[in-house]
Each structure stands twice: as C-alpha cells, then as structure tokens.
C-alpha cells in the first residue's frame, strides 16, 4: 500500500505543523528544501502525476505519520477521500 500527496499539499501540511508545534528555530520550509530532504529517504519518491509533482510514501514511519495526519484532518474537516 502506498500513500500519495501533491508536493504543494505536503508542503502546506508541513509548514502548518511547524507553525502550530514548532521545531527548534525552524519556522517554515521551502519547496526546494522539502524536495532535497525527501530525496534522501528511501521510502519516498517524487513522481509526476497529471502534471503535478506527487510524493509517494512507500512505507515506514513517515507513511504511518501521514496516515495519522490524514485521520486528524478527516476528524476536523468531517470528511476524507481515499483511493485504491
């Protein structure tokens, strides 16, 4: 099983998390910084899907965290879309 999210959405989630919870002195991450970090993680691939860059999470802890985040957002927003 994999999870996919556009780079733009992933960046928004990450920066929202940093704004809400902080991480030392890091306040925001740019798209280039995010992509550079993701390139070093073997369970993640950035692919092009329908003209957009998409982050594919193949497994591991990051996928688990993203699942939890999706669930949290679904609870807050009252809905979530899932595709297989």
Protein backbone atom coordinates (compact mmCIF):
# COMPACT_ATOMS: atom_id res chain seq x y z
CA UNK A 1 0.00 0.00 0.00
CA UNK A 2 1.21 3.50 -0.76
CA UNK A 3 0.04 6.99 0.00
CA UNK A 4 0.37 9.87 -2.44
CA UNK A 5 0.08 13.58 -1.78
CA UNK A 6 0.99 16.51 -4.01
CA UNK A 7 4.20 18.31 -3.11
CA UNK A 8 2.19 21.54 -2.64
CA UNK A 9 -0.20 19.90 -0.15
CA UNK A 10 2.63 18.13 1.67
CA UNK A 11 4.47 21.46 1.98
CA UNK A 12 1.32 23.16 3.34
CA UNK A 13 0.86 20.40 5.93
CA UNK A 14 4.50 20.54 6.96
CA UNK A 15 4.55 24.32 7.32
CA UNK A 16 1.24 24.28 9.20
CA UNK A 17 2.75 21.71 11.57
CA UNK A 18 5.86 23.85 12.05
CA UNK A 19 3.70 26.92 12.71
CA UNK A 20 1.46 25.09 15.20
CA UNK A 21 4.05 22.98 17.04
CA UNK A 22 7.46 24.36 16.07
CA UNK A 23 10.72 22.56 15.61
CA UNK A 24 13.53 24.49 17.24
CA UNK A 25 14.18 27.68 15.29
CA UNK A 26 12.74 26.28 12.04
CA UNK A 27 9.59 28.21 11.15
CA UNK A 28 8.98 27.34 7.50
CA UNK A 29 10.36 25.07 4.81
CA UNK A 30 10.61 25.97 1.13
CA UNK A 31 9.63 23.60 -1.66
CA UNK A 32 13.28 23.14 -2.64
CA UNK A 33 14.28 22.33 0.95
CA UNK A 34 11.46 19.79 1.22
CA UNK A 35 12.42 18.08 -2.04
CA UNK A 36 16.09 17.94 -1.07
CA UNK A 37 15.22 16.27 2.24
CA UNK A 38 12.81 13.81 0.63
CA UNK A 39 15.45 12.70 -1.90
CA UNK A 40 17.46 11.19 0.96
CA UNK A 41 14.63 8.96 2.25
CA UNK A 42 14.47 5.55 0.57
CA UNK A 43 10.75 5.02 1.26
CA UNK A 44 9.74 8.17 -0.63
CA UNK A 45 9.69 9.00 -4.32
CA UNK A 46 8.67 12.24 -6.04
CA UNK A 47 6.82 11.45 -9.27
CA UNK A 48 4.81 13.41 -11.86
CA UNK A 49 1.09 12.55 -11.91
CA UNK A 50 -1.40 14.52 -14.02
CA UNK A 51 1.15 17.32 -14.45
CA UNK A 52 1.80 17.73 -10.71
CA UNK A 53 4.66 16.55 -8.54
CA UNK A 54 3.41 13.90 -6.15
CA UNK A 55 5.13 12.48 -3.08
CA UNK A 56 4.75 8.68 -2.95
CA UNK A 57 5.28 7.21 0.51
CA UNK A 58 6.06 3.52 0.15
CA UNK A 59 6.22 2.55 3.78
CA UNK A 60 7.90 3.17 7.08
CA UNK A 61 7.37 5.68 9.82
CA UNK A 62 6.64 8.63 7.53
CA UNK A 63 3.69 6.81 5.97
CA UNK A 64 2.41 5.96 9.45
CA UNK A 65 2.64 9.63 10.49
CA UNK A 66 0.91 10.76 7.31
CA UNK A 67 -1.92 8.26 7.91
CA UNK A 68 -2.37 9.71 11.38
CA UNK A 69 -2.37 13.24 9.99
CA UNK A 70 -4.98 12.32 7.37
CA UNK A 71 -7.16 10.85 10.11
CA UNK A 72 -6.76 14.00 12.22
CA UNK A 73 -7.75 16.22 9.28
CA UNK A 74 -10.71 13.97 8.46
CA UNK A 75 -11.93 14.33 12.03
CA UNK A 76 -11.51 18.12 11.93
CA UNK A 77 -13.00 18.59 8.46
CA UNK A 78 -15.62 15.87 8.71
CA UNK A 79 -14.55 14.09 5.51
CA UNK A 80 -11.68 12.45 3.68
CA UNK A 81 -11.25 10.90 0.23
CA UNK A 82 -9.40 7.61 -0.18
CA UNK A 83 -8.49 5.85 -3.44
CA UNK A 84 -7.08 2.41 -4.10
